[in-house]
Amino acid sequence: MNKFILLLLSFFNLGKVRFAPGTLASIFTAIIWYNIPNIITIQISLIVIIIIISSFLCFYYNMNIKKDDPSFIVLDEFCGMSISLFMLPKTYILFFVSFLIFRFFDIFKPLYINESQKIKYGIGIMMDDILSGLYTLAIMNFILFFL
């Protein structure tokens, strides 16, 4: 397997950390995303590019290694967390709440999230985090609507 692809899948080796690599990748994503301007075309473009590249890499990994969702792959957390932070106002509390909700969905996998990760060909690696991000985004927008 190409070392560069493994480096990307592990989100620059964050996935190789022994304790809570997905949580660590989500934290780093929030830090990165906090610095991305709330311009809808920029954020949509970045999310689409991230999803396309990540999906291709997960497909490639799955086709060559035949493992469904190894713990070192945390690029999917980068995608899901990016979705959950889409156009969120830049406040630490909102980012922290979004992080907590996303991690809840990603760890406990309610609402068909668990079923989605069973999809073959590397799609399931991405799908559970995409759904976790979408559910988080919906909840955050609900919270913002009533604040």
N, C-alpha and C. Protein backbone atom coordinates (compact mmCIF):
# COMPACT_ATOMS: atom_id res chain seq x y z
N MET A 1 0.85 -1.18 0.00
CA MET A 1 0.00 0.00 0.00
C MET A 1 0.89 1.24 0.00
N ASN A 2 0.54 2.18 -0.80
CA ASN A 2 1.27 3.43 -0.95
C ASN A 2 1.32 4.18 0.39
N LYS A 3 2.51 4.59 0.81
CA LYS A 3 2.69 5.27 2.10
C LYS A 3 1.97 6.61 2.15
N PHE A 4 1.89 7.31 1.02
CA PHE A 4 1.20 8.60 1.00
C PHE A 4 -0.30 8.40 1.23
N ILE A 5 -0.87 7.36 0.63
CA ILE A 5 -2.29 7.07 0.83
C ILE A 5 -2.54 6.73 2.29
N LEU A 6 -1.68 5.93 2.89
CA LEU A 6 -1.83 5.60 4.32
C LEU A 6 -1.69 6.84 5.19
N LEU A 7 -0.80 7.74 4.80
CA LEU A 7 -0.63 8.98 5.55
C LEU A 7 -1.91 9.82 5.50
N LEU A 8 -2.54 9.89 4.34
CA LEU A 8 -3.79 10.63 4.22
C LEU A 8 -4.93 9.95 4.97
N LEU A 9 -5.06 8.63 4.81
CA LEU A 9 -6.12 7.90 5.50
C LEU A 9 -6.02 8.04 7.02
N SER A 10 -4.79 8.12 7.51
CA SER A 10 -4.59 8.26 8.96
C SER A 10 -4.60 9.73 9.39
N PHE A 11 -4.95 10.63 8.48
CA PHE A 11 -4.99 12.07 8.73
C PHE A 11 -3.66 12.52 9.30
N PHE A 12 -2.63 12.24 8.52
CA PHE A 12 -1.25 12.61 8.84
C PHE A 12 -0.79 11.97 10.16
N ASN A 13 -1.10 10.68 10.27
CA ASN A 13 -0.70 9.80 11.38
C ASN A 13 -1.45 10.01 12.69
N LEU A 14 -2.46 10.86 12.71
CA LEU A 14 -3.28 10.97 13.92
C LEU A 14 -4.00 9.66 14.22
N GLY A 15 -4.32 8.92 13.18
CA GLY A 15 -5.00 7.64 13.35
C GLY A 15 -4.14 6.57 13.98
N LYS A 16 -2.85 6.82 14.05
CA LYS A 16 -1.95 5.83 14.65
C LYS A 16 -1.74 6.06 16.15
N VAL A 17 -2.35 7.13 16.69
CA VAL A 17 -2.29 7.37 18.12
C VAL A 17 -3.09 6.27 18.80
N ARG A 18 -2.58 5.72 19.88
CA ARG A 18 -3.21 4.55 20.52
C ARG A 18 -4.55 4.85 21.17
N PHE A 19 -4.67 6.02 21.79
CA PHE A 19 -5.88 6.32 22.54
C PHE A 19 -6.74 7.33 21.79
N ALA A 20 -7.97 6.94 21.46
CA ALA A 20 -8.99 7.82 20.86
C ALA A 20 -8.52 8.56 19.60
N PRO A 21 -8.07 7.84 18.58
CA PRO A 21 -7.61 8.53 17.38
C PRO A 21 -8.72 9.30 16.66
N GLY A 22 -9.95 8.77 16.69
CA GLY A 22 -11.07 9.47 16.05
C GLY A 22 -11.40 10.77 16.75
N THR A 23 -11.32 10.76 18.06
CA THR A 23 -11.57 11.98 18.84
C THR A 23 -10.49 13.01 18.55
N LEU A 24 -9.26 12.57 18.51
CA LEU A 24 -8.14 13.47 18.22
C LEU A 24 -8.28 14.07 16.82
N ALA A 25 -8.65 13.25 15.85
CA ALA A 25 -8.85 13.76 14.48
C ALA A 25 -10.00 14.77 14.44
N SER A 26 -11.04 14.52 15.22
CA SER A 26 -12.17 15.46 15.27
C SER A 26 -11.76 16.79 15.89
N ILE A 27 -10.94 16.74 16.93
CA ILE A 27 -10.46 17.97 17.57
C ILE A 27 -9.62 18.78 16.58
N PHE A 28 -8.70 18.12 15.89
CA PHE A 28 -7.86 18.82 14.92
C PHE A 28 -8.69 19.39 13.78
N THR A 29 -9.74 18.66 13.38
CA THR A 29 -10.63 19.16 12.33
C THR A 29 -11.32 20.44 12.79
N ALA A 30 -11.79 20.46 14.03
CA ALA A 30 -12.45 21.65 14.57
C ALA A 30 -11.49 22.84 14.58
N ILE A 31 -10.26 22.60 14.94
CA ILE A 31 -9.26 23.68 14.96
C ILE A 31 -9.03 24.21 13.54
N ILE A 32 -8.90 23.31 12.60
CA ILE A 32 -8.70 23.72 11.20
C ILE A 32 -9.93 24.47 10.70
N TRP A 33 -11.11 23.91 10.96
CA TRP A 33 -12.36 24.47 10.43
C TRP A 33 -12.66 25.84 11.04
N TYR A 34 -12.22 26.05 12.27
CA TYR A 34 -12.42 27.35 12.93
C TYR A 34 -11.75 28.47 12.13
N ASN A 35 -10.71 28.13 11.40
CA ASN A 35 -9.95 29.11 10.63
C ASN A 35 -10.40 29.23 9.18
N ILE A 36 -11.41 28.48 8.80
CA ILE A 36 -11.94 28.57 7.43
C ILE A 36 -13.09 29.58 7.45
N PRO A 37 -13.05 30.57 6.57
CA PRO A 37 -14.09 31.61 6.60
C PRO A 37 -15.48 31.05 6.31
N ASN A 38 -16.48 31.68 6.91
CA ASN A 38 -17.87 31.28 6.69
C ASN A 38 -18.39 31.87 5.39
N ILE A 39 -17.80 31.42 4.32
CA ILE A 39 -18.25 31.77 2.97
C ILE A 39 -18.77 30.47 2.37
N ILE A 40 -20.05 30.45 2.05
CA ILE A 40 -20.72 29.20 1.69
C ILE A 40 -20.05 28.48 0.53
N THR A 41 -19.61 29.21 -0.49
CA THR A 41 -18.98 28.53 -1.64
C THR A 41 -17.66 27.88 -1.25
N ILE A 42 -16.91 28.52 -0.37
CA ILE A 42 -15.64 27.93 0.09
C ILE A 42 -15.91 26.68 0.90
N GLN A 43 -16.85 26.76 1.84
CA GLN A 43 -17.10 25.61 2.71
C GLN A 43 -17.72 24.44 1.94
N ILE A 44 -18.67 24.71 1.07
CA ILE A 44 -19.25 23.62 0.27
C ILE A 44 -18.18 22.98 -0.62
N SER A 45 -17.38 23.81 -1.26
CA SER A 45 -16.33 23.28 -2.13
C SER A 45 -15.37 22.39 -1.35
N LEU A 46 -14.94 22.86 -0.19
CA LEU A 46 -14.02 22.06 0.62
C LEU A 46 -14.64 20.74 1.06
N ILE A 47 -15.88 20.77 1.50
CA ILE A 47 -16.54 19.54 1.94
C ILE A 47 -16.69 18.56 0.79
N VAL A 48 -17.10 19.04 -0.36
CA VAL A 48 -17.25 18.16 -1.53
C VAL A 48 -15.91 17.55 -1.92
N ILE A 49 -14.88 18.36 -1.97
CA ILE A 49 -13.53 17.86 -2.33
C ILE A 49 -13.06 16.84 -1.29
N ILE A 50 -13.25 17.14 -0.03
CA ILE A 50 -12.83 16.23 1.05
C ILE A 50 -13.56 14.89 0.93
N ILE A 51 -14.86 14.95 0.69
CA ILE A 51 -15.66 13.71 0.59
C ILE A 51 -15.23 12.90 -0.62
N ILE A 52 -15.03 13.54 -1.75
CA ILE A 52 -14.64 12.82 -2.97
C ILE A 52 -13.28 12.15 -2.78
N ILE A 53 -12.30 12.90 -2.32
CA ILE A 53 -10.95 12.34 -2.13
C ILE A 53 -10.98 11.23 -1.08
N SER A 54 -11.63 11.48 0.04
CA SER A 54 -11.68 10.49 1.12
C SER A 54 -12.40 9.21 0.68
N SER A 55 -13.49 9.37 -0.03
CA SER A 55 -14.24 8.21 -0.51
C SER A 55 -13.40 7.37 -1.46
N PHE A 56 -12.70 8.04 -2.36
CA PHE A 56 -11.82 7.32 -3.29
C PHE A 56 -10.73 6.57 -2.53
N LEU A 57 -10.11 7.23 -1.55
CA LEU A 57 -9.03 6.59 -0.79
C LEU A 57 -9.56 5.41 0.03
N CYS A 58 -10.73 5.55 0.62
CA CYS A 58 -11.32 4.43 1.39
C CYS A 58 -11.68 3.27 0.47
N PHE A 59 -12.21 3.58 -0.71
CA PHE A 59 -12.51 2.55 -1.71
C PHE A 59 -11.23 1.83 -2.12
N TYR A 60 -10.20 2.60 -2.43
CA TYR A 60 -8.92 2.04 -2.85
C TYR A 60 -8.34 1.14 -1.76
N TYR A 61 -8.37 1.61 -0.53
CA TYR A 61 -7.85 0.82 0.60
C TYR A 61 -8.64 -0.47 0.74
N ASN A 62 -9.96 -0.37 0.72
CA ASN A 62 -10.81 -1.54 0.90
C ASN A 62 -10.62 -2.56 -0.21
N MET A 63 -10.45 -2.10 -1.42
CA MET A 63 -10.27 -3.02 -2.55
C MET A 63 -8.92 -3.72 -2.50
N ASN A 64 -7.91 -3.08 -1.93
CA ASN A 64 -6.57 -3.66 -1.90
C ASN A 64 -6.25 -4.41 -0.62
N ILE A 65 -6.80 -3.97 0.49
CA ILE A 65 -6.47 -4.59 1.78
C ILE A 65 -7.60 -5.48 2.28
N LYS A 66 -8.81 -5.24 1.83
CA LYS A 66 -9.98 -6.06 2.19
C LYS A 66 -10.37 -5.95 3.67
N LYS A 67 -10.11 -4.80 4.28
CA LYS A 67 -10.58 -4.55 5.65
C LYS A 67 -11.65 -3.48 5.58
N ASP A 68 -12.71 -3.66 6.38
CA ASP A 68 -13.85 -2.76 6.28
C ASP A 68 -13.62 -1.39 6.90
N ASP A 69 -13.17 -1.30 8.14
CA ASP A 69 -13.01 0.01 8.78
C ASP A 69 -11.96 -0.07 9.88
N PRO A 70 -10.69 -0.15 9.51
CA PRO A 70 -9.64 -0.21 10.54
C PRO A 70 -9.59 1.09 11.33
N SER A 71 -9.18 0.99 12.58
CA SER A 71 -9.22 2.15 13.47
C SER A 71 -8.22 3.24 13.08
N PHE A 72 -7.19 2.90 12.33
CA PHE A 72 -6.21 3.93 11.96
C PHE A 72 -6.76 4.90 10.91
N ILE A 73 -7.81 4.52 10.20
CA ILE A 73 -8.40 5.42 9.21
C ILE A 73 -9.29 6.42 9.95
N VAL A 74 -8.83 7.67 9.98
CA VAL A 74 -9.59 8.73 10.64
C VAL A 74 -9.91 9.88 9.67
N LEU A 75 -9.58 9.70 8.41
CA LEU A 75 -9.94 10.71 7.42
C LEU A 75 -11.45 10.85 7.33
N ASP A 76 -12.17 9.78 7.63
CA ASP A 76 -13.63 9.84 7.65
C ASP A 76 -14.14 10.75 8.76
N GLU A 77 -13.45 10.78 9.90
CA GLU A 77 -13.81 11.71 10.97
C GLU A 77 -13.60 13.15 10.52
N PHE A 78 -12.54 13.38 9.76
CA PHE A 78 -12.30 14.71 9.21
C PHE A 78 -13.48 15.14 8.35
N CYS A 79 -14.00 14.24 7.54
CA CYS A 79 -15.15 14.56 6.69
C CYS A 79 -16.40 14.83 7.52
N GLY A 80 -16.71 13.91 8.42
CA GLY A 80 -17.91 14.05 9.23
C GLY A 80 -17.90 15.28 10.11
N MET A 81 -16.78 15.54 10.73
CA MET A 81 -16.67 16.72 11.60
C MET A 81 -16.75 18.00 10.77
N SER A 82 -16.19 17.99 9.58
CA SER A 82 -16.29 19.15 8.69
C SER A 82 -17.75 19.44 8.35
N ILE A 83 -18.51 18.40 8.07
CA ILE A 83 -19.93 18.57 7.77
C ILE A 83 -20.66 19.16 8.98
N SER A 84 -20.34 18.66 10.17
CA SER A 84 -21.04 19.13 11.37
C SER A 84 -20.73 20.59 11.69
N LEU A 85 -19.64 21.12 11.17
CA LEU A 85 -19.25 22.50 11.44
C LEU A 85 -19.60 23.46 10.29
N PHE A 86 -20.27 22.94 9.28
CA PHE A 86 -20.60 23.72 8.09
C PHE A 86 -21.35 25.01 8.46
N MET A 87 -20.76 26.16 8.14
CA MET A 87 -21.33 27.49 8.32
C MET A 87 -21.72 27.80 9.77
N LEU A 88 -21.14 27.08 10.70
CA LEU A 88 -21.40 27.33 12.11
C LEU A 88 -20.70 28.62 12.53
N PRO A 89 -21.40 29.50 13.27
CA PRO A 89 -20.73 30.70 13.76
C PRO A 89 -19.48 30.35 14.56
N LYS A 90 -18.46 31.14 14.42
CA LYS A 90 -17.15 30.86 15.01
C LYS A 90 -17.12 31.23 16.50
N THR A 91 -17.71 30.34 17.31
CA THR A 91 -17.61 30.49 18.76
C THR A 91 -17.13 29.16 19.33
N TYR A 92 -16.32 29.27 20.37
CA TYR A 92 -15.78 28.05 20.97
C TYR A 92 -16.88 27.14 21.51
N ILE A 93 -17.90 27.72 22.09
CA ILE A 93 -18.96 26.90 22.69
C ILE A 93 -19.73 26.13 21.61
N LEU A 94 -20.04 26.78 20.50
CA LEU A 94 -20.76 26.08 19.43
C LEU A 94 -19.90 24.97 18.81
N PHE A 95 -18.63 25.24 18.64
CA PHE A 95 -17.74 24.22 18.10
C PHE A 95 -17.60 23.06 19.08
N PHE A 96 -17.54 23.37 20.35
CA PHE A 96 -17.42 22.31 21.37
C PHE A 96 -18.69 21.46 21.42
N VAL A 97 -19.86 22.10 21.38
CA VAL A 97 -21.12 21.36 21.39
C VAL A 97 -21.23 20.50 20.15
N SER A 98 -20.86 21.04 19.00
CA SER A 98 -20.88 20.29 17.75
C SER A 98 -19.94 19.08 17.84
N PHE A 99 -18.77 19.30 18.39
CA PHE A 99 -17.81 18.20 18.58
C PHE A 99 -18.41 17.10 19.46
N LEU A 100 -19.04 17.47 20.58
CA LEU A 100 -19.63 16.48 21.48
C LEU A 100 -20.75 15.69 20.81
N ILE A 101 -21.60 16.39 20.09
CA ILE A 101 -22.72 15.72 19.41
C ILE A 101 -22.18 14.79 18.32
N PHE A 102 -21.23 15.27 17.54
CA PHE A 102 -20.65 14.44 16.48
C PHE A 102 -20.02 13.18 17.06
N ARG A 103 -19.24 13.33 18.14
CA ARG A 103 -18.60 12.16 18.74
C ARG A 103 -19.64 11.18 19.30
N PHE A 104 -20.74 11.71 19.85
CA PHE A 104 -21.82 10.84 20.33
C PHE A 104 -22.34 9.97 19.19
N PHE A 105 -22.70 10.62 18.08
CA PHE A 105 -23.21 9.87 16.93
C PHE A 105 -22.17 8.91 16.37
N ASP A 106 -20.93 9.34 16.31
CA ASP A 106 -19.88 8.50 15.73
C ASP A 106 -19.55 7.30 16.61
N ILE A 107 -19.64 7.46 17.91
CA ILE A 107 -19.31 6.35 18.82
C ILE A 107 -20.48 5.40 18.99
N PHE A 108 -21.68 5.93 19.27
CA PHE A 108 -22.83 5.08 19.58
C PHE A 108 -23.62 4.64 18.35
N LYS A 109 -23.50 5.36 17.26
CA LYS A 109 -24.07 5.01 15.96
C LYS A 109 -25.57 4.69 15.99
N PRO A 110 -26.39 5.63 16.50
CA PRO A 110 -27.84 5.42 16.45
C PRO A 110 -28.40 5.79 15.08
N LEU A 111 -29.71 5.64 14.90
CA LEU A 111 -30.43 6.16 13.73
C LEU A 111 -29.85 5.69 12.39
N TYR A 112 -29.67 4.42 12.22
CA TYR A 112 -29.18 3.80 10.98
C TYR A 112 -27.70 4.05 10.69
N ILE A 113 -27.02 4.77 11.56
CA ILE A 113 -25.60 5.01 11.34
C ILE A 113 -24.84 3.69 11.40
N ASN A 114 -25.19 2.84 12.34
CA ASN A 114 -24.52 1.54 12.45
C ASN A 114 -24.72 0.70 11.18
N GLU A 115 -25.92 0.72 10.65
CA GLU A 115 -26.19 -0.05 9.42
C GLU A 115 -25.41 0.51 8.23
N SER A 116 -25.24 1.81 8.20
CA SER A 116 -24.57 2.43 7.05
C SER A 116 -23.11 2.02 6.94
N GLN A 117 -22.48 1.71 8.06
CA GLN A 117 -21.06 1.37 8.00
C GLN A 117 -20.82 -0.04 7.47
N LYS A 118 -21.90 -0.78 7.23
CA LYS A 118 -21.78 -2.13 6.68
C LYS A 118 -21.78 -2.14 5.16
N ILE A 119 -21.95 -0.99 4.54
CA ILE A 119 -21.94 -0.91 3.08
C ILE A 119 -20.54 -1.27 2.58
N LYS A 120 -20.50 -2.04 1.55
CA LYS A 120 -19.24 -2.57 1.02
C LYS A 120 -18.43 -1.54 0.22
N TYR A 121 -17.25 -1.98 -0.18
CA TYR A 121 -16.35 -1.26 -1.08
C TYR A 121 -15.81 0.05 -0.49
N GLY A 122 -15.67 0.11 0.82
CA GLY A 122 -15.12 1.28 1.46
C GLY A 122 -16.11 2.41 1.67
N ILE A 123 -17.31 2.26 1.11
CA ILE A 123 -18.33 3.31 1.26
C ILE A 123 -18.78 3.40 2.71
N GLY A 124 -18.90 2.26 3.38
CA GLY A 124 -19.32 2.24 4.78
C GLY A 124 -18.34 2.94 5.71
N ILE A 125 -17.06 2.93 5.34
CA ILE A 125 -16.06 3.63 6.15
C ILE A 125 -16.43 5.11 6.24
N MET A 126 -16.87 5.66 5.13
CA MET A 126 -17.22 7.08 5.07
C MET A 126 -18.65 7.37 5.52
N MET A 127 -19.57 6.48 5.19
CA MET A 127 -20.99 6.78 5.34
C MET A 127 -21.40 7.03 6.79
N ASP A 128 -20.87 6.25 7.73
CA ASP A 128 -21.29 6.46 9.12
C ASP A 128 -20.87 7.83 9.62
N ASP A 129 -19.71 8.31 9.20
CA ASP A 129 -19.26 9.63 9.63
C ASP A 129 -19.98 10.76 8.89
N ILE A 130 -20.32 10.53 7.64
CA ILE A 130 -21.11 11.52 6.91
C ILE A 130 -22.47 11.67 7.56
N LEU A 131 -23.11 10.55 7.88
CA LEU A 131 -24.41 10.63 8.55
C LEU A 131 -24.30 11.27 9.93
N SER A 132 -23.25 10.92 10.68
CA SER A 132 -23.03 11.54 11.99
C SER A 132 -22.88 13.06 11.84
N GLY A 133 -22.15 13.48 10.82
CA GLY A 133 -21.98 14.90 10.56
C GLY A 133 -23.28 15.58 10.17
N LEU A 134 -24.09 14.91 9.34
CA LEU A 134 -25.37 15.48 8.92
C LEU A 134 -26.35 15.60 10.09
N TYR A 135 -26.42 14.57 10.92
CA TYR A 135 -27.28 14.63 12.11
C TYR A 135 -26.82 15.75 13.04
N THR A 136 -25.52 15.87 13.23
CA THR A 136 -24.98 16.93 14.09
C THR A 136 -25.31 18.29 13.52
N LEU A 137 -25.13 18.46 12.20
CA LEU A 137 -25.44 19.72 11.54
C LEU A 137 -26.91 20.09 11.73
N ALA A 138 -27.78 19.11 11.61
CA ALA A 138 -29.22 19.36 11.79
C ALA A 138 -29.51 19.81 13.22
N ILE A 139 -28.93 19.14 14.19
CA ILE A 139 -29.15 19.50 15.60
C ILE A 139 -28.58 20.89 15.89
N MET A 140 -27.40 21.17 15.38
CA MET A 140 -26.79 22.49 15.62
C MET A 140 -27.64 23.61 14.99
N ASN A 141 -28.19 23.36 13.82
CA ASN A 141 -29.05 24.37 13.20
C ASN A 141 -30.35 24.54 13.97
N PHE A 142 -30.86 23.46 14.53
CA PHE A 142 -32.04 23.53 15.40
C PHE A 142 -31.74 24.38 16.62
N ILE A 143 -30.58 24.13 17.24
CA ILE A 143 -30.15 24.91 18.42
C ILE A 143 -30.01 26.39 18.06
N LEU A 144 -29.35 26.65 16.94
CA LEU A 144 -29.14 28.05 16.52
C LEU A 144 -30.46 28.76 16.21
N PHE A 145 -31.43 28.02 15.67
CA PHE A 145 -32.72 28.60 15.34
C PHE A 145 -33.42 29.11 16.60
N PHE A 146 -33.27 28.37 17.69
CA PHE A 146 -33.96 28.73 18.91
C PHE A 146 -33.13 29.57 19.87
N LEU A 147 -31.90 29.90 19.52
CA LEU A 147 -31.08 30.77 20.38
C LEU A 147 -31.30 32.24 20.09
